[in-house]
């Protein structure tokens, strides 16, 4: 059967209760396109929030999310239904790069290298098996790295976004928390997108009722200035259709060639570990839902995501990863058709080619971002704890308790190790190195003495 030949099932209509639509099956094209649009809504909030907080262009990110989803589906031969949205795994590394004076070209250059590293890991996994990942990066280690990536971002929320409008931030964060937990089904999965709309409305209402706010903004050079919370002046000037263009806040063109720095590359490489954990976890989740044996495609998934990240970064776009939000949509609809993801990709590309839409996205008030990042960054960190819980990592075992502790504190606290006058390891990069090095140092010695039950669990993973 051709890779682009999907069997029409259930007469092309919505499947009856209990029935499913497999990856190589589809409904009628109108229903398939409608489902694709639903996938775009599901990934939408996080996919354009993370480029904004990384200082990159959200419109370009939306467009490349569609292009990269198509690339991913081709690499996995349409066997893994997944959407590639913007990855949060590099946000901490990017914040560190900008704190050290790096510009957007150096950001995308570093992420491009990380994408190629992920693709290389995927090739090794494809030919050597997933056991290679588990040997070097057992759940105890991947959980620690994901945790320090998320929690390392706490100062960014406190120092950059929250001070712009604390009350809008608090209201937005409260809405996102309540919406994500209390709203039913699909609506809970788009809580971030709903939070953006809510925050926009609250900001506009505050402008009407209280007038301008005086606070520090990214464009005010560290000085508190009076400004409207919602400024849509750029929206009217933007055209309805066109390629992403203009300049970013640091003066680099929206579409730009990357530049490379070893120091900055090391700051984002820990994000590769998080992407490995995300991708393998998502492949397993899809396999459980569809009943297909997807183990032979784990390596392909890593290659696809790595190439997609490198491809997007080569033009100034944002890094990518498979999205749990879209896996949630599949879980609710029981429709796993990869045809729907091609439809979603086309919808995203069309949105990315609408500068007016991009202007609206870029005008998200700082206080709204403060509330959303307050929740999202914490969620990134707690995903690390979830990895520990899901894999029954035993912290009664000193290999896990002590082997991971130093790296976590170094990563979250921003500890720095000066190597030369012009090179240092700090924050996430140093924390990741210490987590991996210390864990394997004591794990090997512990195994020589007497393997514990948790050691056996870790090896079996």
Protein backbone atom coordinates (compact mmCIF):
# COMPACT_ATOMS: atom_id res chain seq x y z
CA UNK A 1 0.00 0.00 0.00
CA UNK A 2 1.28 3.48 -0.90
CA UNK A 3 2.43 5.69 1.97
CA UNK A 4 -0.15 8.25 0.82
CA UNK A 5 -3.03 5.84 0.42
CA UNK A 6 -5.40 5.84 3.37
CA UNK A 7 -8.30 3.41 3.51
CA UNK A 8 -11.66 5.14 3.98
CA UNK A 9 -13.42 3.48 6.94
CA UNK A 10 -16.87 3.71 8.52
CA UNK A 11 -18.20 5.07 5.25
CA UNK A 12 -16.13 8.19 5.80
CA UNK A 13 -18.35 9.16 8.72
CA UNK A 14 -17.60 9.59 12.42
CA UNK A 15 -16.82 6.13 13.83
CA UNK A 16 -19.38 4.50 16.12
CA UNK A 17 -18.62 4.38 19.88
CA UNK A 18 -15.75 2.00 20.61
CA UNK A 19 -14.48 1.97 17.01
CA UNK A 20 -11.17 3.50 15.95
CA UNK A 21 -9.57 4.97 12.85
CA UNK A 22 -6.00 3.71 12.41
CA UNK A 23 -2.93 5.65 11.21
CA UNK A 24 -3.33 4.45 7.61
CA UNK A 25 -7.09 4.97 7.58
CA UNK A 26 -9.18 8.09 7.27
CA UNK A 27 -12.69 9.50 7.26
CA UNK A 28 -14.07 11.70 4.47
CA UNK A 29 -11.77 14.56 3.54
CA UNK A 30 -14.06 17.27 4.98
CA UNK A 31 -14.10 15.43 8.34
CA UNK A 32 -10.36 14.80 8.10
CA UNK A 33 -9.67 18.48 7.47
CA UNK A 34 -11.94 19.43 10.37
CA UNK A 35 -10.04 17.09 12.66
CA UNK A 36 -6.78 18.57 11.40
CA UNK A 37 -8.00 22.05 12.35
CA UNK A 38 -8.81 20.68 15.81
CA UNK A 39 -5.22 19.45 16.10
CA UNK A 40 -3.99 22.95 15.21
CA UNK A 41 -6.10 24.46 17.98
CA UNK A 42 -4.73 21.89 20.45
CA UNK A 43 -1.09 22.69 19.73
CA UNK A 44 -1.66 26.38 19.14
CA UNK A 45 -1.19 27.97 22.57
CA UNK A 46 2.17 26.48 23.51
CA UNK A 47 3.49 26.53 19.95
CA UNK A 48 3.41 30.32 19.72
CA UNK A 49 4.00 31.13 23.39
CA UNK A 50 7.40 29.43 23.53
CA UNK A 51 8.83 31.31 20.49
CA UNK A 52 7.78 34.57 22.13
CA UNK A 53 9.55 33.74 25.40
CA UNK A 54 12.64 32.63 23.43
CA UNK A 55 12.66 35.92 21.53
CA UNK A 56 11.86 34.30 18.17
CA UNK A 57 9.01 34.94 15.74
CA UNK A 58 5.73 33.12 16.56
CA UNK A 59 4.37 33.36 13.01
CA UNK A 60 7.48 31.67 11.63
CA UNK A 61 7.16 29.02 14.34
CA UNK A 62 3.56 28.26 13.38
CA UNK A 63 4.50 27.96 9.70
CA UNK A 64 7.45 25.69 10.40
CA UNK A 65 5.40 23.56 12.77
CA UNK A 66 3.36 22.60 9.71
CA UNK A 67 6.37 22.05 7.47
CA UNK A 68 8.18 20.06 10.16
CA UNK A 69 5.12 17.90 10.86
CA UNK A 70 5.11 16.88 7.20
CA UNK A 71 8.86 16.13 7.37
CA UNK A 72 8.36 14.03 10.51
CA UNK A 73 5.51 12.03 8.97
CA UNK A 74 7.64 11.28 5.90
CA UNK A 75 10.55 10.07 8.04
CA UNK A 76 8.33 7.74 10.12
CA UNK A 77 6.51 6.54 6.98
CA UNK A 78 3.16 7.79 8.32
CA UNK A 79 3.19 5.13 11.05
CA UNK A 80 3.34 7.52 14.03
CA UNK A 81 0.50 10.08 14.12
CA UNK A 82 2.08 13.12 15.79
CA UNK A 83 2.18 16.89 15.43
CA UNK A 84 5.45 18.78 15.83
CA UNK A 85 4.91 21.99 17.78
CA UNK A 86 7.44 24.29 19.42
CA UNK A 87 9.61 22.56 22.00
CA UNK A 88 9.87 23.92 25.53
CA UNK A 89 13.04 21.91 26.17
CA UNK A 90 15.33 24.66 24.89
CA UNK A 91 13.70 27.61 26.65
CA UNK A 92 16.07 27.43 29.61
CA UNK A 93 19.16 27.15 27.41
CA UNK A 94 17.99 30.07 25.27
CA UNK A 95 17.44 32.19 28.38
CA UNK A 96 21.02 31.41 29.41
CA UNK A 97 22.34 32.33 25.96
CA UNK A 98 20.57 35.68 26.00
CA UNK A 99 21.72 36.34 29.59
CA UNK A 100 25.30 35.99 28.30
CA UNK A 101 24.70 38.44 25.46
CA UNK A 102 23.89 36.00 22.66
CA UNK A 103 21.60 37.12 19.85
CA UNK A 104 18.85 35.28 17.96
CA UNK A 105 21.24 33.98 15.27
CA UNK A 106 23.39 32.36 17.95
CA UNK A 107 20.26 30.96 19.56
CA UNK A 108 19.08 29.29 16.36
CA UNK A 109 22.61 28.14 15.51
CA UNK A 110 22.92 26.37 18.84
CA UNK A 111 19.51 24.75 18.47
CA UNK A 112 20.37 23.62 14.92
CA UNK A 113 23.40 21.73 16.25
CA UNK A 114 21.23 20.19 18.98
CA UNK A 115 18.76 19.04 16.32
CA UNK A 116 21.53 17.33 14.37
CA UNK A 117 22.73 15.65 17.57
CA UNK A 118 19.20 14.36 18.20
CA UNK A 119 19.03 13.04 14.62
CA UNK A 120 22.38 11.26 15.12
CA UNK A 121 21.05 9.67 18.32
CA UNK A 122 18.02 8.55 16.33
CA UNK A 123 20.25 6.82 13.77
CA UNK A 124 22.09 4.98 16.57
CA UNK A 125 18.81 3.93 18.15
CA UNK A 126 17.40 2.78 14.80
CA UNK A 127 20.33 0.43 14.19
CA UNK A 128 21.31 -0.38 17.79
CA UNK A 129 17.95 -0.51 19.56
CA UNK A 130 16.32 1.58 22.27
CA UNK A 131 18.44 -0.13 24.92
CA UNK A 132 21.20 2.35 24.06
CA UNK A 133 19.06 5.19 25.40
CA UNK A 134 18.15 3.35 28.58
CA UNK A 135 21.79 2.45 29.28
CA UNK A 136 23.07 6.03 29.14
CA UNK A 137 19.89 7.88 30.10
CA UNK A 138 17.83 5.77 32.50
CA UNK A 139 14.60 7.28 33.85
CA UNK A 140 16.35 8.59 36.98
CA UNK A 141 18.66 10.72 34.83
CA UNK A 142 16.12 11.93 32.25
CA UNK A 143 13.70 12.91 35.00
CA UNK A 144 16.39 14.97 36.73
CA UNK A 145 17.42 16.75 33.52
CA UNK A 146 13.83 17.63 32.56
CA UNK A 147 13.22 18.88 36.10
CA UNK A 148 16.23 21.19 36.16
CA UNK A 149 15.37 22.55 32.70
CA UNK A 150 11.91 23.59 33.89
CA UNK A 151 12.79 24.94 37.30
CA UNK A 152 15.82 26.81 35.94
CA UNK A 153 13.30 29.12 34.26
CA UNK A 154 11.79 30.41 37.51
CA UNK A 155 13.98 33.56 37.53
CA UNK A 156 12.83 34.37 33.97
CA UNK A 157 9.21 34.50 35.14
CA UNK A 158 10.07 36.48 38.26
CA UNK A 159 12.44 38.92 36.61
CA UNK A 160 11.08 39.45 33.08
CA UNK A 161 7.37 38.74 32.70
CA UNK A 162 5.73 38.94 36.12
CA UNK A 163 6.84 42.53 36.94
CA UNK A 164 5.22 43.84 33.73
CA UNK A 165 1.73 43.40 35.19
CA UNK A 166 1.45 41.25 38.30
CA UNK A 167 -2.34 41.38 38.63
CA UNK A 168 -3.04 40.37 35.04
CA UNK A 169 -0.40 37.67 35.50
CA UNK A 170 -2.10 36.35 38.62
CA UNK A 171 -5.56 36.32 37.02
CA UNK A 172 -4.24 34.63 33.87
CA UNK A 173 -2.37 31.96 35.84
CA UNK A 174 -5.48 31.29 37.92
CA UNK A 175 -7.61 30.93 34.79
CA UNK A 176 -5.15 28.50 33.15
CA UNK A 177 -4.96 26.33 36.27
CA UNK A 178 -8.74 26.18 36.65
CA UNK A 179 -9.36 25.66 32.92
CA UNK A 180 -6.80 22.88 32.58
CA UNK A 181 -8.31 20.91 35.45
CA UNK A 182 -11.99 21.83 35.53
CA UNK A 183 -13.02 22.17 31.89
CA UNK A 184 -14.22 19.02 30.12
CA UNK A 185 -12.28 17.00 27.55
CA UNK A 186 -10.91 18.94 24.62
CA UNK A 187 -11.36 22.34 26.27
CA UNK A 188 -9.01 21.43 29.09
CA UNK A 189 -6.31 20.52 26.57
CA UNK A 190 -6.38 23.99 25.03
CA UNK A 191 -6.25 25.77 28.38
CA UNK A 192 -3.16 27.75 27.33
CA UNK A 193 -4.87 29.11 24.21
CA UNK A 194 -7.96 29.97 26.26
CA UNK A 195 -5.72 31.60 28.85
CA UNK A 196 -4.24 33.85 26.18
CA UNK A 197 -7.68 34.98 25.08
CA UNK A 198 -8.73 35.52 28.71
CA UNK A 199 -5.56 37.48 29.47
CA UNK A 200 -6.04 39.66 26.39
CA UNK A 201 -9.60 40.49 27.48
CA UNK A 202 -8.59 41.25 31.07
CA UNK A 203 -5.71 43.45 29.87
CA UNK A 204 -8.04 45.39 27.57
CA UNK A 205 -10.57 45.80 30.40
CA UNK A 206 -7.84 47.06 32.75
CA UNK A 207 -6.74 49.59 30.11
CA UNK A 208 -10.30 50.89 29.89
CA UNK A 209 -10.94 50.98 33.64
CA UNK A 210 -7.52 51.83 35.13
CA UNK A 211 -5.68 53.42 32.19
CA UNK A 212 -2.05 52.84 31.34
CA UNK A 213 0.28 50.83 33.54
CA UNK A 214 3.78 51.95 34.50
CA UNK A 215 6.23 49.05 34.40
CA UNK A 216 9.43 47.78 32.84
CA UNK A 217 9.02 46.23 29.38
CA UNK A 218 11.53 44.41 27.17
CA UNK A 219 11.76 47.54 24.99
CA UNK A 220 12.16 50.08 27.82
CA UNK A 221 15.86 49.43 28.56
CA UNK A 222 15.24 48.58 32.20
CA UNK A 223 13.22 51.69 32.99
CA UNK A 224 9.59 51.74 34.10
CA UNK A 225 7.47 53.53 31.50
CA UNK A 226 3.76 54.22 31.10
CA UNK A 227 2.18 52.09 28.36
CA UNK A 228 -1.06 50.42 27.31
CA UNK A 229 -1.30 46.77 28.20
CA UNK A 230 -2.80 45.96 24.79
CA UNK A 231 -1.16 47.64 21.79
CA UNK A 232 -2.56 46.46 18.47
CA UNK A 233 -1.15 49.27 16.33
CA UNK A 234 0.97 46.83 14.32
CA UNK A 235 -2.06 44.70 13.46
CA UNK A 236 -3.65 47.32 11.24
CA UNK A 237 -0.41 47.81 9.29
CA UNK A 238 0.13 44.07 8.73
CA UNK A 239 -1.04 42.45 5.50
CA UNK A 240 -3.32 39.45 5.33
CA UNK A 241 -0.94 37.32 3.31
CA UNK A 242 2.83 37.26 3.01
CA UNK A 243 6.02 35.54 4.07
CA UNK A 244 7.27 36.17 7.64
CA UNK A 245 9.48 39.26 7.62
CA UNK A 246 10.73 42.13 9.76
CA UNK A 247 13.15 42.12 12.67
CA UNK A 248 13.16 40.57 16.14
CA UNK A 249 13.55 42.54 19.37
CA UNK A 250 17.34 42.20 19.27
CA UNK A 251 17.58 43.55 15.71
CA UNK A 252 18.11 40.20 13.98
CA UNK A 253 15.89 39.52 10.96
CA UNK A 254 12.91 37.24 11.56
CA UNK A 255 14.18 34.93 8.81
CA UNK A 256 17.93 34.65 9.32
CA UNK A 257 20.94 32.40 8.93
CA UNK A 258 22.20 30.87 12.19
CA UNK A 259 25.63 31.50 13.71
CA UNK A 260 27.53 29.16 15.98
CA UNK A 261 29.29 29.31 19.33
CA UNK A 262 30.56 26.26 21.24
CA UNK A 263 29.74 27.90 24.56
CA UNK A 264 26.14 28.49 23.55
CA UNK A 265 25.77 25.04 21.95
CA UNK A 266 26.66 23.44 25.29
CA UNK A 267 23.92 25.47 26.97
CA UNK A 268 21.17 23.93 24.81
CA UNK A 269 22.45 20.35 24.44
CA UNK A 270 20.67 19.22 27.64
CA UNK A 271 17.45 19.91 25.74
CA UNK A 272 18.30 16.92 23.54
CA UNK A 273 17.93 14.64 26.55
CA UNK A 274 14.48 16.06 27.22
CA UNK A 275 13.51 15.57 23.57
CA UNK A 276 14.67 11.95 23.69
CA UNK A 277 12.49 11.38 26.74
CA UNK A 278 9.52 13.19 25.15
CA UNK A 279 9.70 11.40 21.82
CA UNK A 280 10.15 7.90 23.22
CA UNK A 281 7.34 8.52 25.71
CA UNK A 282 5.01 9.77 23.00
CA UNK A 283 5.78 6.83 20.71
CA UNK A 284 4.94 4.46 23.54
CA UNK A 285 1.71 6.35 24.25
CA UNK A 286 0.63 6.18 20.60
CA UNK A 287 1.54 2.47 20.46
CA UNK A 288 -0.65 1.76 23.48
CA UNK A 289 -3.59 3.63 21.94
CA UNK A 290 -3.33 2.13 18.46
CA UNK A 291 -2.21 -1.35 19.45
CA UNK A 292 0.60 -1.18 16.87
CA UNK A 293 4.18 -2.28 17.55
CA UNK A 294 6.03 1.01 17.09
CA UNK A 295 9.36 0.03 18.69
CA UNK A 296 11.02 -0.21 15.24
CA UNK A 297 10.04 3.42 14.65
CA UNK A 298 11.50 4.97 17.84
CA UNK A 299 14.78 5.73 16.07
CA UNK A 300 12.92 7.18 13.09
CA UNK A 301 10.91 9.42 15.42
CA UNK A 302 14.11 10.82 16.94
CA UNK A 303 15.63 11.34 13.48
CA UNK A 304 12.46 13.05 12.28
CA UNK A 305 12.29 15.42 15.23
CA UNK A 306 16.03 16.16 15.05
CA UNK A 307 15.94 16.95 11.33
CA UNK A 308 12.81 19.05 11.82
CA UNK A 309 14.45 21.08 14.58
CA UNK A 310 17.57 21.62 12.45
CA UNK A 311 15.46 22.52 9.39
CA UNK A 312 13.40 25.12 11.26
CA UNK A 313 16.44 26.62 12.99
CA UNK A 314 18.29 26.99 9.68
CA UNK A 315 15.79 29.70 8.74
CA UNK A 316 15.36 31.31 12.17
CA UNK A 317 12.45 29.13 13.29
CA UNK A 318 11.84 27.50 16.65
CA UNK A 319 12.81 23.97 17.78
CA UNK A 320 10.17 21.25 17.53
CA UNK A 321 8.91 18.24 19.41
CA UNK A 322 5.98 15.85 19.28
CA UNK A 323 3.03 17.27 21.21
CA UNK A 324 1.19 15.59 24.06
CA UNK A 325 -1.74 17.94 23.43
CA UNK A 326 -2.40 16.22 20.10
CA UNK A 327 -2.01 12.79 21.64
CA UNK A 328 -4.77 13.89 24.01
CA UNK A 329 -7.00 14.76 21.06
CA UNK A 330 -6.44 11.28 19.62
CA UNK A 331 -7.21 9.70 22.96
CA UNK A 332 -10.53 11.55 23.08
CA UNK A 333 -11.56 10.99 19.44
CA UNK A 334 -9.95 7.53 18.88
CA UNK A 335 -9.00 8.78 15.41
CA UNK A 336 -5.30 8.17 14.75
CA UNK A 337 -5.26 8.96 11.04
CA UNK A 338 -2.01 10.49 9.83
CA UNK A 339 -4.05 12.09 7.04
CA UNK A 340 -5.50 14.42 9.68
CA UNK A 341 -1.99 15.53 10.58
CA UNK A 342 -1.22 16.45 6.99
CA UNK A 343 -4.42 18.52 7.04
CA UNK A 344 -3.30 20.14 10.33
CA UNK A 345 0.09 20.92 8.82
CA UNK A 346 -1.46 22.69 5.84
CA UNK A 347 -3.73 24.76 8.13
CA UNK A 348 -0.70 25.78 10.23
CA UNK A 349 1.30 26.78 7.15
CA UNK A 350 -1.59 28.97 5.96
CA UNK A 351 -1.77 30.67 9.39
CA UNK A 352 1.99 31.20 9.30
CA UNK A 353 1.63 33.03 6.00
CA UNK A 354 -0.76 35.57 7.54
CA UNK A 355 1.27 38.52 8.94
CA UNK A 356 -1.84 40.04 10.50
CA UNK A 357 -2.30 36.90 12.58
CA UNK A 358 1.37 37.11 13.57
CA UNK A 359 0.97 40.73 14.66
CA UNK A 360 -1.89 39.76 16.98
CA UNK A 361 0.22 36.98 18.47
CA UNK A 362 3.25 39.23 18.92
CA UNK A 363 1.13 41.79 20.80
CA UNK A 364 0.34 39.43 23.69
CA UNK A 365 0.66 41.62 26.83
CA UNK A 366 3.62 40.95 29.10
CA UNK A 367 1.39 40.32 32.11
CA UNK A 368 -0.43 37.58 30.21
CA UNK A 369 2.87 35.89 29.41
CA UNK A 370 3.79 36.21 33.09
CA UNK A 371 0.74 34.23 34.14
CA UNK A 372 1.10 31.58 31.44
CA UNK A 373 4.82 31.01 31.94
CA UNK A 374 4.28 30.78 35.69
CA UNK A 375 2.22 27.65 35.03
CA UNK A 376 4.01 26.27 31.96
CA UNK A 377 7.54 26.43 33.37
CA UNK A 378 6.41 24.69 36.52
CA UNK A 379 4.73 22.02 34.42
CA UNK A 380 7.98 21.42 32.51
CA UNK A 381 9.80 20.85 35.78
CA UNK A 382 7.13 18.56 37.16
CA UNK A 383 7.23 16.42 34.01
CA UNK A 384 10.63 15.36 35.32
CA UNK A 385 9.01 14.22 38.56
CA UNK A 386 6.37 12.38 36.51
CA UNK A 387 9.13 10.44 34.71
CA UNK A 388 10.42 9.34 38.11
CA UNK A 389 6.98 8.29 39.32
CA UNK A 390 6.04 6.46 36.11
CA UNK A 391 9.27 4.47 36.21
CA UNK A 392 9.18 3.84 39.97
CA UNK A 393 12.57 5.46 40.62
CA UNK A 394 13.50 4.55 44.22
CA UNK A 395 14.95 7.44 46.21
CA UNK A 396 15.57 5.12 49.12
CA UNK A 397 18.50 4.01 47.00
CA UNK A 398 21.47 6.38 47.51
CA UNK A 399 22.47 5.95 43.85
CA UNK A 400 19.37 7.92 42.91
CA UNK A 401 19.13 10.21 45.93
CA UNK A 402 22.76 11.35 46.07
CA UNK A 403 23.82 10.67 42.49
CA UNK A 404 21.29 13.19 41.15
CA UNK A 405 21.24 15.79 43.90
CA UNK A 406 24.31 17.88 43.05
CA UNK A 407 23.40 18.21 39.37
CA UNK A 408 19.85 19.31 40.11
CA UNK A 409 20.99 22.10 42.44
CA UNK A 410 23.73 23.20 40.02
CA UNK A 411 21.20 23.37 37.17
CA UNK A 412 18.41 25.12 39.03
CA UNK A 413 20.66 27.47 41.00
CA UNK A 414 22.79 28.61 38.06
CA UNK A 415 26.07 27.34 39.54
CA UNK A 416 29.02 28.17 37.24
CA UNK A 417 32.34 26.37 36.68
CA UNK A 418 34.99 28.61 35.08
CA UNK A 419 37.08 26.49 32.67
CA UNK A 420 39.10 29.24 30.94
CA UNK A 421 38.94 33.02 30.83
CA UNK A 422 36.46 32.80 27.96
CA UNK A 423 34.63 29.56 28.67
CA UNK A 424 32.50 28.36 31.54
CA UNK A 425 29.92 25.69 32.21
CA UNK A 426 26.90 26.86 34.14
CA UNK A 427 23.25 26.28 34.93
CA UNK A 428 21.54 23.63 32.85
CA UNK A 429 24.69 22.55 30.98
CA UNK A 430 26.74 22.00 34.15
CA UNK A 431 23.78 20.46 35.98
CA UNK A 432 23.19 17.93 33.19
CA UNK A 433 26.85 16.92 33.07
CA UNK A 434 26.92 16.41 36.86
CA UNK A 435 23.67 14.44 36.85
CA UNK A 436 24.93 12.01 34.20
CA UNK A 437 28.51 11.77 35.52
CA UNK A 438 27.68 11.35 39.21
CA UNK A 439 24.83 8.91 38.58
CA UNK A 440 26.93 6.55 36.47
CA UNK A 441 29.94 6.96 38.76
CA UNK A 442 28.10 5.68 41.82
CA UNK A 443 25.78 3.32 39.96
CA UNK A 444 28.73 1.34 38.62
CA UNK A 445 30.34 1.11 42.05
CA UNK A 446 27.06 0.15 43.68
CA UNK A 447 26.55 -2.64 41.14
CA UNK A 448 30.00 -4.05 41.97
CA UNK A 449 29.06 -4.32 45.62
CA UNK A 450 25.46 -5.55 45.55
CA UNK A 451 22.69 -4.74 43.10
CA UNK A 452 19.53 -3.36 44.67
CA UNK A 453 15.94 -3.90 43.61
CA UNK A 454 15.82 -0.41 42.13
CA UNK A 455 18.99 -1.14 40.16
CA UNK A 456 17.22 -4.11 38.61
CA UNK A 457 14.20 -1.94 37.81
CA UNK A 458 16.42 0.68 36.16
CA UNK A 459 18.29 -1.93 34.10
CA UNK A 460 15.04 -3.53 32.99
CA UNK A 461 13.88 -0.20 31.62
